[in-house]
Amino acid sequence: MIGRRRYRVHGRVQGVGFRAFVWRQAQRLEVSGWVRNRRDGTVEALADGPADEHEKLYAVLQRGPSLSVVERVDVTREDREIEDLVGFAIVPDE
């Protein structure tokens, strides 16, 4: 079953290639959605995918790219809207 989750990654996650890292991992895991920087210094991602792929995505978000320092990853389940997310993109900052 496909589910939607919103991830919020805290720590040193901007200016270290985090969004590109998430994009590459999402392509590998075949989840759909987007990732962006937020003004508060976090990185946010919204993803649609099966539960097992969300578990894998959560694990890679906790690790991050080599230059990052991930302090924590908050996850919320969300209802999927009528439209499905297609592909995975790096979107403009919030």
C-alpha atoms as a PDB file:
ATOM      1  CA  MET A   1       0.000   0.000   0.000  1.00  0.00           C
ATOM      2  CA  ILE A   2       1.302   3.449  -0.955  1.00  0.00           C
ATOM      3  CA  GLY A   3       1.522   5.973   1.851  1.00  0.00           C
ATOM      4  CA  ARG A   4       2.619   9.591   2.143  1.00  0.00           C
ATOM      5  CA  ARG A   5       5.097  10.869   4.702  1.00  0.00           C
ATOM      6  CA  ARG A   6       6.609  14.268   5.429  1.00  0.00           C
ATOM      7  CA  TYR A   7      10.178  14.234   6.756  1.00  0.00           C
ATOM      8  CA  ARG A   8      11.917  17.111   8.569  1.00  0.00           C
ATOM      9  CA  VAL A   9      15.676  16.703   8.973  1.00  0.00           C
ATOM     10  CA  HIS A  10      17.433  18.751  11.683  1.00  0.00           C
ATOM     11  CA  GLY A  11      21.149  19.409  12.130  1.00  0.00           C
ATOM     12  CA  ARG A  12      23.851  20.591   9.749  1.00  0.00           C
ATOM     13  CA  VAL A  13      21.885  19.696   6.635  1.00  0.00           C
ATOM     14  CA  GLN A  14      22.097  22.767   4.399  1.00  0.00           C
ATOM     15  CA  GLY A  15      25.120  23.595   2.275  1.00  0.00           C
ATOM     16  CA  VAL A  16      26.356  19.992   2.401  1.00  0.00           C
ATOM     17  CA  GLY A  17      24.639  18.439  -0.621  1.00  0.00           C
ATOM     18  CA  PHE A  18      21.745  17.043   1.394  1.00  0.00           C
ATOM     19  CA  ARG A  19      19.009  17.711  -1.167  1.00  0.00           C
ATOM     20  CA  ALA A  20      20.986  16.086  -3.987  1.00  0.00           C
ATOM     21  CA  PHE A  21      21.690  13.144  -1.672  1.00  0.00           C
ATOM     22  CA  VAL A  22      17.963  12.756  -0.956  1.00  0.00           C
ATOM     23  CA  TRP A  23      17.160  13.030  -4.670  1.00  0.00           C
ATOM     24  CA  ARG A  24      19.624  10.236  -5.529  1.00  0.00           C
ATOM     25  CA  GLN A  25      18.309   8.005  -2.742  1.00  0.00           C
ATOM     26  CA  ALA A  26      14.687   8.615  -3.779  1.00  0.00           C
ATOM     27  CA  GLN A  27      15.549   7.613  -7.366  1.00  0.00           C
ATOM     28  CA  ARG A  28      17.135   4.402  -6.089  1.00  0.00           C
ATOM     29  CA  LEU A  29      14.198   3.616  -3.801  1.00  0.00           C
ATOM     30  CA  GLU A  30      11.580   4.542  -6.396  1.00  0.00           C
ATOM     31  CA  VAL A  31       9.639   6.894  -4.141  1.00  0.00           C
ATOM     32  CA  SER A  32       7.920   9.964  -5.537  1.00  0.00           C
ATOM     33  CA  GLY A  33       7.887  13.462  -4.079  1.00  0.00           C
ATOM     34  CA  TRP A  34      10.160  16.402  -3.454  1.00  0.00           C
ATOM     35  CA  VAL A  35      12.838  17.831  -1.145  1.00  0.00           C
ATOM     36  CA  ARG A  36      13.638  21.442  -0.212  1.00  0.00           C
ATOM     37  CA  ASN A  37      15.552  23.634   2.231  1.00  0.00           C
ATOM     38  CA  ARG A  38      13.528  25.517   4.816  1.00  0.00           C
ATOM     39  CA  ARG A  39      14.266  28.967   6.231  1.00  0.00           C
ATOM     40  CA  ASP A  40      14.757  27.502   9.711  1.00  0.00           C
ATOM     41  CA  GLY A  41      17.816  25.514   8.551  1.00  0.00           C
ATOM     42  CA  THR A  42      16.082  22.142   8.204  1.00  0.00           C
ATOM     43  CA  VAL A  43      15.512  20.069   5.098  1.00  0.00           C
ATOM     44  CA  GLU A  44      11.964  18.920   4.337  1.00  0.00           C
ATOM     45  CA  ALA A  45      10.878  16.072   2.080  1.00  0.00           C
ATOM     46  CA  LEU A  46       7.444  14.818   1.084  1.00  0.00           C
ATOM     47  CA  ALA A  47       7.327  11.289  -0.307  1.00  0.00           C
ATOM     48  CA  ASP A  48       4.845   8.733  -1.590  1.00  0.00           C
ATOM     49  CA  GLY A  49       5.814   5.082  -1.519  1.00  0.00           C
ATOM     50  CA  PRO A  50       5.298   1.676   0.044  1.00  0.00           C
ATOM     51  CA  ALA A  51       5.945   1.300   3.789  1.00  0.00           C
ATOM     52  CA  ASP A  52       9.170  -0.683   3.299  1.00  0.00           C
ATOM     53  CA  GLU A  53      10.583   2.032   1.022  1.00  0.00           C
ATOM     54  CA  HIS A  54       9.690   4.686   3.620  1.00  0.00           C
ATOM     55  CA  GLU A  55      11.665   2.710   6.206  1.00  0.00           C
ATOM     56  CA  LYS A  56      14.673   2.683   3.884  1.00  0.00           C
ATOM     57  CA  LEU A  57      14.299   6.401   3.133  1.00  0.00           C
ATOM     58  CA  TYR A  58      14.085   7.188   6.854  1.00  0.00           C
ATOM     59  CA  ALA A  59      17.300   5.231   7.455  1.00  0.00           C
ATOM     60  CA  VAL A  60      19.228   7.130   4.757  1.00  0.00           C
ATOM     61  CA  LEU A  61      17.881  10.476   5.993  1.00  0.00           C
ATOM     62  CA  GLN A  62      19.215   9.662   9.466  1.00  0.00           C
ATOM     63  CA  ARG A  63      22.642   9.014   7.963  1.00  0.00           C
ATOM     64  CA  GLY A  64      22.773  11.847   5.393  1.00  0.00           C
ATOM     65  CA  PRO A  65      25.717  12.632   3.104  1.00  0.00           C
ATOM     66  CA  SER A  66      29.236  12.596   4.520  1.00  0.00           C
ATOM     67  CA  LEU A  67      29.465  16.345   5.270  1.00  0.00           C
ATOM     68  CA  SER A  68      26.139  16.504   7.111  1.00  0.00           C
ATOM     69  CA  VAL A  69      25.435  16.090  10.819  1.00  0.00           C
ATOM     70  CA  VAL A  70      21.895  14.810  11.303  1.00  0.00           C
ATOM     71  CA  GLU A  71      20.563  15.498  14.795  1.00  0.00           C
ATOM     72  CA  ARG A  72      17.091  14.065  14.248  1.00  0.00           C
ATOM     73  CA  VAL A  73      14.472  13.258  11.613  1.00  0.00           C
ATOM     74  CA  ASP A  74      10.816  14.002  12.357  1.00  0.00           C
ATOM     75  CA  VAL A  75       8.271  12.000  10.366  1.00  0.00           C
ATOM     76  CA  THR A  76       4.542  12.557   9.959  1.00  0.00           C
ATOM     77  CA  ARG A  77       2.113  10.426   8.018  1.00  0.00           C
ATOM     78  CA  GLU A  78      -0.188  12.402   5.772  1.00  0.00           C
ATOM     79  CA  ASP A  79      -3.291  11.641   3.788  1.00  0.00           C
ATOM     80  CA  ARG A  80      -2.579  11.432   0.110  1.00  0.00           C
ATOM     81  CA  GLU A  81      -4.290  14.114  -1.872  1.00  0.00           C
ATOM     82  CA  ILE A  82      -6.272  13.321  -4.991  1.00  0.00           C
ATOM     83  CA  GLU A  83      -3.191  13.789  -7.135  1.00  0.00           C
ATOM     84  CA  ASP A  84      -0.279  11.418  -6.746  1.00  0.00           C
ATOM     85  CA  LEU A  85       3.254  12.723  -6.594  1.00  0.00           C
ATOM     86  CA  VAL A  86       5.083  11.812  -9.804  1.00  0.00           C
ATOM     87  CA  GLY A  87       8.863  11.516  -9.954  1.00  0.00           C
ATOM     88  CA  PHE A  88      11.118  13.130  -7.360  1.00  0.00           C
ATOM     89  CA  ALA A  89      12.339  16.727  -7.513  1.00  0.00           C
ATOM     90  CA  ILE A  90      14.420  19.287  -5.693  1.00  0.00           C
ATOM     91  CA  VAL A  91      12.004  22.210  -5.335  1.00  0.00           C
ATOM     92  CA  PRO A  92      12.645  25.879  -4.450  1.00  0.00           C
ATOM     93  CA  ASP A  93      13.383  26.733  -0.837  1.00  0.00           C
ATOM     94  CA  GLU A  94      10.527  27.597   1.454  1.00  0.00           C
END
